[in-house]
PDB file of N, CA and C in Angstrom:
ATOM      1  N   MET A   1      -3.011 -14.881  -5.779  1.00  0.00           N
ATOM      2  CA  MET A   1      -2.552 -14.259  -4.554  1.00  0.00           C
ATOM      3  C   MET A   1      -3.416 -14.696  -3.383  1.00  0.00           C
ATOM      4  N   GLY A   2      -4.707 -14.784  -3.589  1.00  0.00           N
ATOM      5  CA  GLY A   2      -5.605 -15.163  -2.510  1.00  0.00           C
ATOM      6  C   GLY A   2      -5.312 -16.551  -1.965  1.00  0.00           C
ATOM      7  N   ASN A   3      -5.015 -17.488  -2.859  1.00  0.00           N
ATOM      8  CA  ASN A   3      -4.692 -18.837  -2.412  1.00  0.00           C
ATOM      9  C   ASN A   3      -3.382 -18.846  -1.631  1.00  0.00           C
ATOM     10  N   TYR A   4      -2.437 -18.022  -2.039  1.00  0.00           N
ATOM     11  CA  TYR A   4      -1.157 -17.906  -1.337  1.00  0.00           C
ATOM     12  C   TYR A   4      -1.389 -17.389   0.086  1.00  0.00           C
ATOM     13  N   ILE A   5      -2.209 -16.366   0.214  1.00  0.00           N
ATOM     14  CA  ILE A   5      -2.499 -15.795   1.537  1.00  0.00           C
ATOM     15  C   ILE A   5      -3.197 -16.832   2.412  1.00  0.00           C
ATOM     16  N   ALA A   6      -4.177 -17.526   1.862  1.00  0.00           N
ATOM     17  CA  ALA A   6      -4.906 -18.539   2.626  1.00  0.00           C
ATOM     18  C   ALA A   6      -3.973 -19.669   3.066  1.00  0.00           C
ATOM     19  N   ALA A   7      -3.045 -20.058   2.208  1.00  0.00           N
ATOM     20  CA  ALA A   7      -2.108 -21.128   2.546  1.00  0.00           C
ATOM     21  C   ALA A   7      -1.143 -20.702   3.653  1.00  0.00           C
ATOM     22  N   ARG A   8      -0.767 -19.441   3.672  1.00  0.00           N
ATOM     23  CA  ARG A   8       0.155 -18.939   4.705  1.00  0.00           C
ATOM     24  C   ARG A   8      -0.515 -18.824   6.069  1.00  0.00           C
ATOM     25  N   HIS A   9      -1.832 -18.731   6.088  1.00  0.00           N
ATOM     26  CA  HIS A   9      -2.574 -18.568   7.342  1.00  0.00           C
ATOM     27  C   HIS A   9      -3.693 -19.610   7.423  1.00  0.00           C
ATOM     28  N   PRO A  10      -3.324 -20.884   7.548  1.00  0.00           N
ATOM     29  CA  PRO A  10      -4.346 -21.938   7.502  1.00  0.00           C
ATOM     30  C   PRO A  10      -5.340 -21.928   8.657  1.00  0.00           C
ATOM     31  N   SER A  11      -4.965 -21.362   9.799  1.00  0.00           N
ATOM     32  CA  SER A  11      -5.858 -21.416  10.962  1.00  0.00           C
ATOM     33  C   SER A  11      -6.651 -20.127  11.166  1.00  0.00           C
ATOM     34  N   VAL A  12      -6.436 -19.125  10.314  1.00  0.00           N
ATOM     35  CA  VAL A  12      -7.124 -17.842  10.484  1.00  0.00           C
ATOM     36  C   VAL A  12      -8.360 -17.806   9.586  1.00  0.00           C
ATOM     37  N   SER A  13      -9.484 -17.434  10.187  1.00  0.00           N
ATOM     38  CA  SER A  13     -10.699 -17.288   9.404  1.00  0.00           C
ATOM     39  C   SER A  13     -11.608 -16.283  10.100  1.00  0.00           C
ATOM     40  N   PRO A  14     -12.052 -15.240   9.481  1.00  0.00           N
ATOM     41  CA  PRO A  14     -11.674 -14.825   8.137  1.00  0.00           C
ATOM     42  C   PRO A  14     -10.311 -14.130   8.130  1.00  0.00           C
ATOM     43  N   ILE A  15      -9.733 -14.040   6.959  1.00  0.00           N
ATOM     44  CA  ILE A  15      -8.477 -13.337   6.762  1.00  0.00           C
ATOM     45  C   ILE A  15      -8.832 -11.961   6.196  1.00  0.00           C
ATOM     46  N   SER A  16      -8.521 -10.920   6.938  1.00  0.00           N
ATOM     47  CA  SER A  16      -8.832  -9.563   6.488  1.00  0.00           C
ATOM     48  C   SER A  16      -7.690  -9.043   5.624  1.00  0.00           C
ATOM     49  N   VAL A  17      -8.034  -8.533   4.444  1.00  0.00           N
ATOM     50  CA  VAL A  17      -7.049  -7.977   3.516  1.00  0.00           C
ATOM     51  C   VAL A  17      -7.480  -6.556   3.183  1.00  0.00           C
ATOM     52  N   VAL A  18      -6.594  -5.609   3.424  1.00  0.00           N
ATOM     53  CA  VAL A  18      -6.892  -4.206   3.146  1.00  0.00           C
ATOM     54  C   VAL A  18      -6.482  -3.901   1.716  1.00  0.00           C
ATOM     55  N   ILE A  19      -7.430  -3.408   0.920  1.00  0.00           N
ATOM     56  CA  ILE A  19      -7.162  -3.058  -0.475  1.00  0.00           C
ATOM     57  C   ILE A  19      -7.824  -1.726  -0.812  1.00  0.00           C
ATOM     58  N   ASP A  20      -7.325  -1.099  -1.860  1.00  0.00           N
ATOM     59  CA  ASP A  20      -7.902   0.184  -2.249  1.00  0.00           C
ATOM     60  C   ASP A  20      -9.065  -0.028  -3.211  1.00  0.00           C
ATOM     61  N   ASN A  21      -9.650   1.057  -3.659  1.00  0.00           N
ATOM     62  CA  ASN A  21     -10.824   0.999  -4.521  1.00  0.00           C
ATOM     63  C   ASN A  21     -10.486   1.089  -6.005  1.00  0.00           C
ATOM     64  N   ALA A  22      -9.304   0.619  -6.392  1.00  0.00           N
ATOM     65  CA  ALA A  22      -8.958   0.602  -7.809  1.00  0.00           C
ATOM     66  C   ALA A  22      -9.973  -0.262  -8.549  1.00  0.00           C
ATOM     67  N   LYS A  23     -10.208   0.060  -9.808  1.00  0.00           N
ATOM     68  CA  LYS A  23     -11.236  -0.654 -10.591  1.00  0.00           C
ATOM     69  C   LYS A  23     -11.044  -2.167 -10.563  1.00  0.00           C
ATOM     70  N   TYR A  24      -9.782  -2.611 -10.665  1.00  0.00           N
ATOM     71  CA  TYR A  24      -9.539  -4.056 -10.687  1.00  0.00           C
ATOM     72  C   TYR A  24      -9.823  -4.708  -9.338  1.00  0.00           C
ATOM     73  N   ASN A  25      -9.841  -3.955  -8.249  1.00  0.00           N
ATOM     74  CA  ASN A  25     -10.144  -4.518  -6.932  1.00  0.00           C
ATOM     75  C   ASN A  25     -11.636  -4.577  -6.636  1.00  0.00           C
ATOM     76  N   ILE A  26     -12.418  -3.855  -7.411  1.00  0.00           N
ATOM     77  CA  ILE A  26     -13.870  -3.865  -7.177  1.00  0.00           C
ATOM     78  C   ILE A  26     -14.627  -4.415  -8.379  1.00  0.00           C
ATOM     79  N   SER A  27     -13.921  -5.109  -9.263  1.00  0.00           N
ATOM     80  CA  SER A  27     -14.561  -5.670 -10.454  1.00  0.00           C
ATOM     81  C   SER A  27     -15.549  -6.773 -10.064  1.00  0.00           C
ATOM     82  N   ARG A  28     -16.430  -7.086 -10.957  1.00  0.00           N
ATOM     83  CA  ARG A  28     -17.424  -8.133 -10.730  1.00  0.00           C
ATOM     84  C   ARG A  28     -16.739  -9.460 -10.430  1.00  0.00           C
ATOM     85  N   GLU A  29     -15.675  -9.771 -11.181  1.00  0.00           N
ATOM     86  CA  GLU A  29     -14.968 -11.038 -11.001  1.00  0.00           C
ATOM     87  C   GLU A  29     -14.358 -11.147  -9.604  1.00  0.00           C
ATOM     88  N   ILE A  30     -13.758 -10.065  -9.129  1.00  0.00           N
ATOM     89  CA  ILE A  30     -13.151 -10.071  -7.794  1.00  0.00           C
ATOM     90  C   ILE A  30     -14.229 -10.209  -6.731  1.00  0.00           C
ATOM     91  N   LYS A  31     -15.318  -9.480  -6.890  1.00  0.00           N
ATOM     92  CA  LYS A  31     -16.404  -9.582  -5.910  1.00  0.00           C
ATOM     93  C   LYS A  31     -16.968 -11.005  -5.867  1.00  0.00           C
ATOM     94  N   GLU A  32     -17.086 -11.631  -7.043  1.00  0.00           N
ATOM     95  CA  GLU A  32     -17.563 -13.015  -7.081  1.00  0.00           C
ATOM     96  C   GLU A  32     -16.570 -13.941  -6.377  1.00  0.00           C
ATOM     97  N   TRP A  33     -15.274 -13.695  -6.603  1.00  0.00           N
ATOM     98  CA  TRP A  33     -14.246 -14.535  -5.985  1.00  0.00           C
ATOM     99  C   TRP A  33     -14.307 -14.412  -4.472  1.00  0.00           C
ATOM    100  N   PHE A  34     -14.403 -13.186  -3.959  1.00  0.00           N
ATOM    101  CA  PHE A  34     -14.513 -12.979  -2.508  1.00  0.00           C
ATOM    102  C   PHE A  34     -15.826 -13.536  -1.967  1.00  0.00           C
ATOM    103  N   GLY A  35     -16.852 -13.580  -2.791  1.00  0.00           N
ATOM    104  CA  GLY A  35     -18.164 -14.032  -2.352  1.00  0.00           C
ATOM    105  C   GLY A  35     -18.346 -15.541  -2.320  1.00  0.00           C
ATOM    106  N   ARG A  36     -17.359 -16.286  -2.825  1.00  0.00           N
ATOM    107  CA  ARG A  36     -17.469 -17.745  -2.805  1.00  0.00           C
ATOM    108  C   ARG A  36     -17.577 -18.245  -1.366  1.00  0.00           C
ATOM    109  N   GLU A  37     -18.333 -19.305  -1.178  1.00  0.00           N
ATOM    110  CA  GLU A  37     -18.522 -19.863   0.155  1.00  0.00           C
ATOM    111  C   GLU A  37     -17.198 -20.338   0.763  1.00  0.00           C
ATOM    112  N   ALA A  38     -16.306 -20.870  -0.057  1.00  0.00           N
ATOM    113  CA  ALA A  38     -15.036 -21.402   0.437  1.00  0.00           C
ATOM    114  C   ALA A  38     -13.986 -20.322   0.683  1.00  0.00           C
ATOM    115  N   CYS A  39     -14.263 -19.099   0.299  1.00  0.00           N
ATOM    116  CA  CYS A  39     -13.271 -18.023   0.432  1.00  0.00           C
ATOM    117  C   CYS A  39     -13.215 -17.528   1.876  1.00  0.00           C
ATOM    118  N   ARG A  40     -12.029 -17.621   2.460  1.00  0.00           N
ATOM    119  CA  ARG A  40     -11.835 -17.164   3.844  1.00  0.00           C
ATOM    120  C   ARG A  40     -11.327 -15.729   3.890  1.00  0.00           C
ATOM    121  N   ILE A  41     -11.085 -15.128   2.736  1.00  0.00           N
ATOM    122  CA  ILE A  41     -10.525 -13.781   2.678  1.00  0.00           C
ATOM    123  C   ILE A  41     -11.647 -12.756   2.643  1.00  0.00           C
ATOM    124  N   LYS A  42     -11.566 -11.799   3.559  1.00  0.00           N
ATOM    125  CA  LYS A  42     -12.567 -10.734   3.645  1.00  0.00           C
ATOM    126  C   LYS A  42     -11.890  -9.416   3.254  1.00  0.00           C
ATOM    127  N   PRO A  43     -12.324  -8.807   2.161  1.00  0.00           N
ATOM    128  CA  PRO A  43     -11.702  -7.537   1.775  1.00  0.00           C
ATOM    129  C   PRO A  43     -12.175  -6.393   2.662  1.00  0.00           C
ATOM    130  N   ILE A  44     -11.246  -5.551   3.030  1.00  0.00           N
ATOM    131  CA  ILE A  44     -11.571  -4.316   3.738  1.00  0.00           C
ATOM    132  C   ILE A  44     -11.104  -3.207   2.822  1.00  0.00           C
ATOM    133  N   TYR A  45     -12.054  -2.505   2.225  1.00  0.00           N
ATOM    134  CA  TYR A  45     -11.727  -1.461   1.254  1.00  0.00           C
ATOM    135  C   TYR A  45     -11.381  -0.154   1.956  1.00  0.00           C
ATOM    136  N   LEU A  46     -10.303   0.447   1.500  1.00  0.00           N
ATOM    137  CA  LEU A  46      -9.933   1.766   2.004  1.00  0.00           C
ATOM    138  C   LEU A  46     -10.989   2.774   1.574  1.00  0.00           C
ATOM    139  N   PRO A  47     -11.146   3.847   2.303  1.00  0.00           N
ATOM    140  CA  PRO A  47     -12.064   4.897   1.855  1.00  0.00           C
ATOM    141  C   PRO A  47     -11.628   5.429   0.485  1.00  0.00           C
ATOM    142  N   SER A  48     -12.549   6.032  -0.226  1.00  0.00           N
ATOM    143  CA  SER A  48     -12.266   6.507  -1.581  1.00  0.00           C
ATOM    144  C   SER A  48     -11.051   7.409  -1.655  1.00  0.00           C
ATOM    145  N   TYR A  49     -10.895   8.280  -0.696  1.00  0.00           N
ATOM    146  CA  TYR A  49      -9.725   9.142  -0.704  1.00  0.00           C
ATOM    147  C   TYR A  49      -9.057   9.044   0.657  1.00  0.00           C
ATOM    148  N   ALA A  50      -8.049   8.201   0.737  1.00  0.00           N
ATOM    149  CA  ALA A  50      -7.321   8.015   1.984  1.00  0.00           C
ATOM    150  C   ALA A  50      -5.848   7.761   1.677  1.00  0.00           C
ATOM    151  N   PRO A  51      -5.152   8.746   1.124  1.00  0.00           N
ATOM    152  CA  PRO A  51      -3.760   8.517   0.739  1.00  0.00           C
ATOM    153  C   PRO A  51      -2.854   8.173   1.914  1.00  0.00           C
ATOM    154  N   ASN A  52      -3.224   8.608   3.110  1.00  0.00           N
ATOM    155  CA  ASN A  52      -2.403   8.281   4.271  1.00  0.00           C
ATOM    156  C   ASN A  52      -2.458   6.796   4.618  1.00  0.00           C
ATOM    157  N   LEU A  53      -3.466   6.081   4.140  1.00  0.00           N
ATOM    158  CA  LEU A  53      -3.587   4.652   4.408  1.00  0.00           C
ATOM    159  C   LEU A  53      -3.001   3.782   3.304  1.00  0.00           C
ATOM    160  N   ASN A  54      -2.754   4.361   2.148  1.00  0.00           N
ATOM    161  CA  ASN A  54      -2.265   3.619   0.998  1.00  0.00           C
ATOM    162  C   ASN A  54      -0.746   3.764   0.932  1.00  0.00           C
ATOM    163  N   MET A  55      -0.021   2.641   1.036  1.00  0.00           N
ATOM    164  CA  MET A  55       1.439   2.709   1.105  1.00  0.00           C
ATOM    165  C   MET A  55       2.077   3.351  -0.121  1.00  0.00           C
ATOM    166  N   ILE A  56       1.541   3.103  -1.311  1.00  0.00           N
ATOM    167  CA  ILE A  56       2.160   3.706  -2.494  1.00  0.00           C
ATOM    168  C   ILE A  56       1.982   5.214  -2.473  1.00  0.00           C
ATOM    169  N   GLU A  57       0.875   5.694  -1.950  1.00  0.00           N
ATOM    170  CA  GLU A  57       0.673   7.134  -1.829  1.00  0.00           C
ATOM    171  C   GLU A  57       1.652   7.739  -0.829  1.00  0.00           C
ATOM    172  N   ARG A  58       1.939   6.999   0.234  1.00  0.00           N
ATOM    173  CA  ARG A  58       2.940   7.466   1.189  1.00  0.00           C
ATOM    174  C   ARG A  58       4.304   7.585   0.520  1.00  0.00           C
ATOM    175  N   PHE A  59       4.627   6.578  -0.301  1.00  0.00           N
ATOM    176  CA  PHE A  59       5.909   6.613  -1.002  1.00  0.00           C
ATOM    177  C   PHE A  59       5.982   7.785  -1.964  1.00  0.00           C
ATOM    178  N   TRP A  60       4.919   8.012  -2.761  1.00  0.00           N
ATOM    179  CA  TRP A  60       4.923   9.131  -3.721  1.00  0.00           C
ATOM    180  C   TRP A  60       5.091  10.455  -2.979  1.00  0.00           C
ATOM    181  N   ARG A  61       4.433  10.599  -1.857  1.00  0.00           N
ATOM    182  CA  ARG A  61       4.545  11.841  -1.080  1.00  0.00           C
ATOM    183  C   ARG A  61       5.984  12.031  -0.582  1.00  0.00           C
ATOM    184  N   PHE A  62       6.586  10.964  -0.102  1.00  0.00           N
ATOM    185  CA  PHE A  62       7.975  11.019   0.356  1.00  0.00           C
ATOM    186  C   PHE A  62       8.895  11.419  -0.789  1.00  0.00           C
ATOM    187  N   MET A  63       8.714  10.773  -1.946  1.00  0.00           N
ATOM    188  CA  MET A  63       9.543  11.057  -3.110  1.00  0.00           C
ATOM    189  C   MET A  63       9.401  12.515  -3.539  1.00  0.00           C
ATOM    190  N   LYS A  64       8.180  13.002  -3.585  1.00  0.00           N
ATOM    191  CA  LYS A  64       7.968  14.401  -3.978  1.00  0.00           C
ATOM    192  C   LYS A  64       8.610  15.362  -2.985  1.00  0.00           C
ATOM    193  N   ARG A  65       8.536  15.021  -1.696  1.00  0.00           N
ATOM    194  CA  ARG A  65       9.156  15.871  -0.685  1.00  0.00           C
ATOM    195  C   ARG A  65      10.671  15.936  -0.881  1.00  0.00           C
ATOM    196  N   LYS A  66      11.286  14.820  -1.235  1.00  0.00           N
ATOM    197  CA  LYS A  66      12.730  14.777  -1.411  1.00  0.00           C
ATOM    198  C   LYS A  66      13.174  15.396  -2.729  1.00  0.00           C
ATOM    199  N   VAL A  67      12.384  15.255  -3.782  1.00  0.00           N
ATOM    200  CA  VAL A  67      12.817  15.680  -5.113  1.00  0.00           C
ATOM    201  C   VAL A  67      12.225  17.027  -5.536  1.00  0.00           C
ATOM    202  N   LEU A  68      10.996  17.316  -5.148  1.00  0.00           N
ATOM    203  CA  LEU A  68      10.319  18.503  -5.658  1.00  0.00           C
ATOM    204  C   LEU A  68      10.160  19.653  -4.671  1.00  0.00           C
ATOM    205  N   HIS A  69       9.995  19.335  -3.411  1.00  0.00           N
ATOM    206  CA  HIS A  69       9.661  20.365  -2.420  1.00  0.00           C
ATOM    207  C   HIS A  69      10.729  21.462  -2.344  1.00  0.00           C
ATOM    208  N   ASN A  70      10.296  22.701  -2.575  1.00  0.00           N
ATOM    209  CA  ASN A  70      11.167  23.878  -2.517  1.00  0.00           C
ATOM    210  C   ASN A  70      12.388  23.779  -3.429  1.00  0.00           C
ATOM    211  N   LYS A  71      12.198  23.158  -4.581  1.00  0.00           N
ATOM    212  CA  LYS A  71      13.300  23.028  -5.528  1.00  0.00           C
ATOM    213  C   LYS A  71      12.864  23.578  -6.883  1.00  0.00           C
ATOM    214  N   TYR A  72      13.834  24.115  -7.577  1.00  0.00           N
ATOM    215  CA  TYR A  72      13.573  24.643  -8.914  1.00  0.00           C
ATOM    216  C   TYR A  72      14.561  23.981  -9.869  1.00  0.00           C
ATOM    217  N   TYR A  73      14.045  23.467 -10.957  1.00  0.00           N
ATOM    218  CA  TYR A  73      14.876  22.845 -11.980  1.00  0.00           C
ATOM    219  C   TYR A  73      14.723  23.656 -13.257  1.00  0.00           C
ATOM    220  N   PRO A  74      15.783  24.339 -13.694  1.00  0.00           N
ATOM    221  CA  PRO A  74      15.671  25.212 -14.858  1.00  0.00           C
ATOM    222  C   PRO A  74      15.399  24.471 -16.160  1.00  0.00           C
ATOM    223  N   LYS A  75      15.781  23.216 -16.233  1.00  0.00           N
ATOM    224  CA  LYS A  75      15.584  22.444 -17.470  1.00  0.00           C
ATOM    225  C   LYS A  75      14.937  21.107 -17.144  1.00  0.00           C
ATOM    226  N   LEU A  76      14.222  20.575 -18.125  1.00  0.00           N
ATOM    227  CA  LEU A  76      13.588  19.272 -17.973  1.00  0.00           C
ATOM    228  C   LEU A  76      14.638  18.205 -17.667  1.00  0.00           C
ATOM    229  N   ALA A  77      15.797  18.319 -18.261  1.00  0.00           N
ATOM    230  CA  ALA A  77      16.865  17.343 -18.018  1.00  0.00           C
ATOM    231  C   ALA A  77      17.283  17.351 -16.545  1.00  0.00           C
ATOM    232  N   ASP A  78      17.299  18.510 -15.918  1.00  0.00           N
ATOM    233  CA  ASP A  78      17.632  18.603 -14.498  1.00  0.00           C
ATOM    234  C   ASP A  78      16.555  17.946 -13.637  1.00  0.00           C
ATOM    235  N   PHE A  79      15.320  18.163 -14.026  1.00  0.00           N
ATOM    236  CA  PHE A  79      14.168  17.576 -13.348  1.00  0.00           C
ATOM    237  C   PHE A  79      14.257  16.050 -13.408  1.00  0.00           C
ATOM    238  N   ARG A  80      14.489  15.519 -14.594  1.00  0.00           N
ATOM    239  CA  ARG A  80      14.622  14.071 -14.767  1.00  0.00           C
ATOM    240  C   ARG A  80      15.811  13.525 -13.994  1.00  0.00           C
ATOM    241  N   ALA A  81      16.919  14.235 -14.023  1.00  0.00           N
ATOM    242  CA  ALA A  81      18.121  13.791 -13.318  1.00  0.00           C
ATOM    243  C   ALA A  81      17.872  13.701 -11.811  1.00  0.00           C
ATOM    244  N   ALA A  82      17.073  14.600 -11.274  1.00  0.00           N
ATOM    245  CA  ALA A  82      16.770  14.574  -9.849  1.00  0.00           C
ATOM    246  C   ALA A  82      15.982  13.312  -9.490  1.00  0.00           C
ATOM    247  N   PHE A  83      15.019  12.956 -10.310  1.00  0.00           N
ATOM    248  CA  PHE A  83      14.258  11.731 -10.066  1.00  0.00           C
ATOM    249  C   PHE A  83      15.129  10.500 -10.264  1.00  0.00           C
ATOM    250  N   ASP A  84      15.945  10.513 -11.303  1.00  0.00           N
ATOM    251  CA  ASP A  84      16.854   9.382 -11.535  1.00  0.00           C
ATOM    252  C   ASP A  84      17.785   9.190 -10.345  1.00  0.00           C
ATOM    253  N   ALA A  85      18.299  10.277  -9.807  1.00  0.00           N
ATOM    254  CA  ALA A  85      19.206  10.206  -8.657  1.00  0.00           C
ATOM    255  C   ALA A  85      18.479   9.668  -7.423  1.00  0.00           C
ATOM    256  N   PHE A  86      17.227  10.087  -7.244  1.00  0.00           N
ATOM    257  CA  PHE A  86      16.442   9.595  -6.113  1.00  0.00           C
ATOM    258  C   PHE A  86      16.328   8.075  -6.175  1.00  0.00           C
ATOM    259  N   PHE A  87      15.934   7.547  -7.341  1.00  0.00           N
ATOM    260  CA  PHE A  87      15.750   6.106  -7.466  1.00  0.00           C
ATOM    261  C   PHE A  87      17.076   5.351  -7.476  1.00  0.00           C
ATOM    262  N   ALA A  88      18.120   5.951  -8.016  1.00  0.00           N
ATOM    263  CA  ALA A  88      19.430   5.297  -8.028  1.00  0.00           C
ATOM    264  C   ALA A  88      19.989   5.147  -6.617  1.00  0.00           C
ATOM    265  N   ASN A  89      19.608   6.041  -5.740  1.00  0.00           N
ATOM    266  CA  ASN A  89      20.118   6.031  -4.364  1.00  0.00           C
ATOM    267  C   ASN A  89      19.028   5.740  -3.342  1.00  0.00           C
ATOM    268  N   ILE A  90      18.035   4.975  -3.731  1.00  0.00           N
ATOM    269  CA  ILE A  90      16.894   4.743  -2.845  1.00  0.00           C
ATOM    270  C   ILE A  90      17.297   4.039  -1.551  1.00  0.00           C
ATOM    271  N   GLY A  91      18.362   3.257  -1.590  1.00  0.00           N
ATOM    272  CA  GLY A  91      18.837   2.593  -0.384  1.00  0.00           C
ATOM    273  C   GLY A  91      19.250   3.570   0.707  1.00  0.00           C
ATOM    274  N   GLY A  92      19.631   4.762   0.311  1.00  0.00           N
ATOM    275  CA  GLY A  92      20.012   5.779   1.277  1.00  0.00           C
ATOM    276  C   GLY A  92      18.844   6.314   2.087  1.00  0.00           C
ATOM    277  N   TRP A  93      17.655   6.068   1.622  1.00  0.00           N
ATOM    278  CA  TRP A  93      16.443   6.530   2.316  1.00  0.00           C
ATOM    279  C   TRP A  93      15.802   5.415   3.136  1.00  0.00           C
ATOM    280  N   GLU A  94      16.465   4.273   3.245  1.00  0.00           N
ATOM    281  CA  GLU A  94      15.854   3.090   3.852  1.00  0.00           C
ATOM    282  C   GLU A  94      15.283   3.347   5.249  1.00  0.00           C
ATOM    283  N   ALA A  95      16.038   3.982   6.106  1.00  0.00           N
ATOM    284  CA  ALA A  95      15.571   4.210   7.489  1.00  0.00           C
ATOM    285  C   ALA A  95      14.305   5.057   7.512  1.00  0.00           C
ATOM    286  N   GLU A  96      14.260   6.107   6.694  1.00  0.00           N
ATOM    287  CA  GLU A  96      13.068   6.961   6.653  1.00  0.00           C
ATOM    288  C   GLU A  96      11.882   6.223   6.046  1.00  0.00           C
ATOM    289  N   LEU A  97      12.136   5.449   4.993  1.00  0.00           N
ATOM    290  CA  LEU A  97      11.051   4.723   4.334  1.00  0.00           C
ATOM    291  C   LEU A  97      10.472   3.634   5.236  1.00  0.00           C
ATOM    292  N   GLU A  98      11.301   3.011   6.046  1.00  0.00           N
ATOM    293  CA  GLU A  98      10.802   1.972   6.948  1.00  0.00           C
ATOM    294  C   GLU A  98       9.772   2.511   7.927  1.00  0.00           C
ATOM    295  N   THR A  99       9.902   3.770   8.310  1.00  0.00           N
ATOM    296  CA  THR A  99       8.932   4.342   9.244  1.00  0.00           C
ATOM    297  C   THR A  99       7.616   4.696   8.548  1.00  0.00           C
ATOM    298  N   LEU A 100       7.677   4.960   7.243  1.00  0.00           N
ATOM    299  CA  LEU A 100       6.473   5.336   6.492  1.00  0.00           C
ATOM    300  C   LEU A 100       5.750   4.151   5.885  1.00  0.00           C
ATOM    301  N   LEU A 101       6.492   3.175   5.425  1.00  0.00           N
ATOM    302  CA  LEU A 101       5.911   2.079   4.658  1.00  0.00           C
ATOM    303  C   LEU A 101       5.763   0.840   5.525  1.00  0.00           C
ATOM    304  N   THR A 102       4.905   0.928   6.493  1.00  0.00           N
ATOM    305  CA  THR A 102       4.662  -0.199   7.383  1.00  0.00           C
ATOM    306  C   THR A 102       3.275  -0.774   7.107  1.00  0.00           C
ATOM    307  N   PRO A 103       3.164  -2.087   7.027  1.00  0.00           N
ATOM    308  CA  PRO A 103       1.857  -2.702   6.763  1.00  0.00           C
ATOM    309  C   PRO A 103       1.034  -2.916   8.024  1.00  0.00           C
ATOM    310  N   LYS A 104       1.452  -2.376   9.152  1.00  0.00           N
ATOM    311  CA  LYS A 104       0.735  -2.604  10.408  1.00  0.00           C
ATOM    312  C   LYS A 104      -0.391  -1.591  10.560  1.00  0.00           C
ATOM    313  N   PHE A 105      -1.589  -2.029  10.202  1.00  0.00           N
ATOM    314  CA  PHE A 105      -2.764  -1.185  10.325  1.00  0.00           C
ATOM    315  C   PHE A 105      -3.489  -1.543  11.609  1.00  0.00           C
ATOM    316  N   HIS A 106      -4.142  -0.587  12.181  1.00  0.00           N
ATOM    317  CA  HIS A 106      -4.948  -0.817  13.367  1.00  0.00           C
ATOM    318  C   HIS A 106      -6.393  -0.538  12.994  1.00  0.00           C
ATOM    319  N   PHE A 107      -7.227  -1.566  13.060  1.00  0.00           N
ATOM    320  CA  PHE A 107      -8.622  -1.416  12.708  1.00  0.00           C
ATOM    321  C   PHE A 107      -9.371  -0.791  13.883  1.00  0.00           C
ATOM    322  N   ILE A 108     -10.063   0.280  13.618  1.00  0.00           N
ATOM    323  CA  ILE A 108     -10.811   0.961  14.664  1.00  0.00           C
ATOM    324  C   ILE A 108     -11.932   0.055  15.160  1.00  0.00           C
ATOM    325  N   GLY A 109     -11.982  -0.110  16.462  1.00  0.00           N
ATOM    326  CA  GLY A 109     -13.025  -0.938  17.047  1.00  0.00           C
ATOM    327  C   GLY A 109     -12.682  -2.422  17.113  1.00  0.00           C
ATOM    328  N   ALA A 110     -11.540  -2.824  16.558  1.00  0.00           N
ATOM    329  CA  ALA A 110     -11.156  -4.244  16.584  1.00  0.00           C
ATOM    330  C   ALA A 110     -10.224  -4.485  17.761  1.00  0.00           C
ATOM    331  N   PRO A 111     -10.296  -5.663  18.343  1.00  0.00           N
ATOM    332  CA  PRO A 111      -9.384  -5.964  19.453  1.00  0.00           C
ATOM    333  C   PRO A 111      -7.947  -6.038  18.958  1.00  0.00           C
ATOM    334  N   ALA A 112      -7.000  -5.697  19.802  1.00  0.00           N
ATOM    335  CA  ALA A 112      -5.589  -5.799  19.450  1.00  0.00           C
ATOM    336  C   ALA A 112      -5.213  -7.277  19.514  1.00  0.00           C
ATOM    337  N   ASN A 113      -5.083  -7.909  18.357  1.00  0.00           N
ATOM    338  CA  ASN A 113      -4.831  -9.340  18.326  1.00  0.00           C
ATOM    339  C   ASN A 113      -3.376  -9.676  18.017  1.00  0.00           C
ATOM    340  N   GLY A 114      -2.530  -8.682  17.816  1.00  0.00           N
ATOM    341  CA  GLY A 114      -1.119  -8.946  17.587  1.00  0.00           C
ATOM    342  C   GLY A 114      -0.784  -9.384  16.180  1.00  0.00           C
ATOM    343  N   ILE A 115      -1.748  -9.430  15.280  1.00  0.00           N
ATOM    344  CA  ILE A 115      -1.469  -9.830  13.909  1.00  0.00           C
ATOM    345  C   ILE A 115      -0.883  -8.641  13.174  1.00  0.00           C
ATOM    346  N   PRO A 116       0.324  -8.790  12.605  1.00  0.00           N
ATOM    347  CA  PRO A 116       0.932  -7.659  11.891  1.00  0.00           C
ATOM    348  C   PRO A 116       0.226  -7.361  10.588  1.00  0.00           C
TER     349      PRO A 116
END
C-alpha cells in the first residue's frame, strides 16, 4: 500500500498518512518500514481513543443509531433481520453516509494546502 501511495503522489514529500493505533499499525516491522531513509510516508497516529476521527467508528455509530437506537427486538431472529436489512439496503443511506465518511481531515496548526 505504501508504494501505491508514493506512486500516486510522486512530487509530495513527506506524504502524511493518518492511521489508528491498531497493533498491526504500530508493529516493529511497520515502524522499521516507515523509518527507512527512502520512505516518504510519515504516519500520523490517531489518539488512543478518538472514535470521531476513525471512519469505521463513525460507520458503526451510524449503523447502531439506525438499527439499535430506541428499538426493541423480542427475538434474536428479529435483531439479526434488522442488521441484515440495514446492510441489504445500505445504498439508501448513501447521502447520510457521505457526510459522515469523509477522508478530509484538517491538521491542527497545519497550513490549508488544499490536499484532500
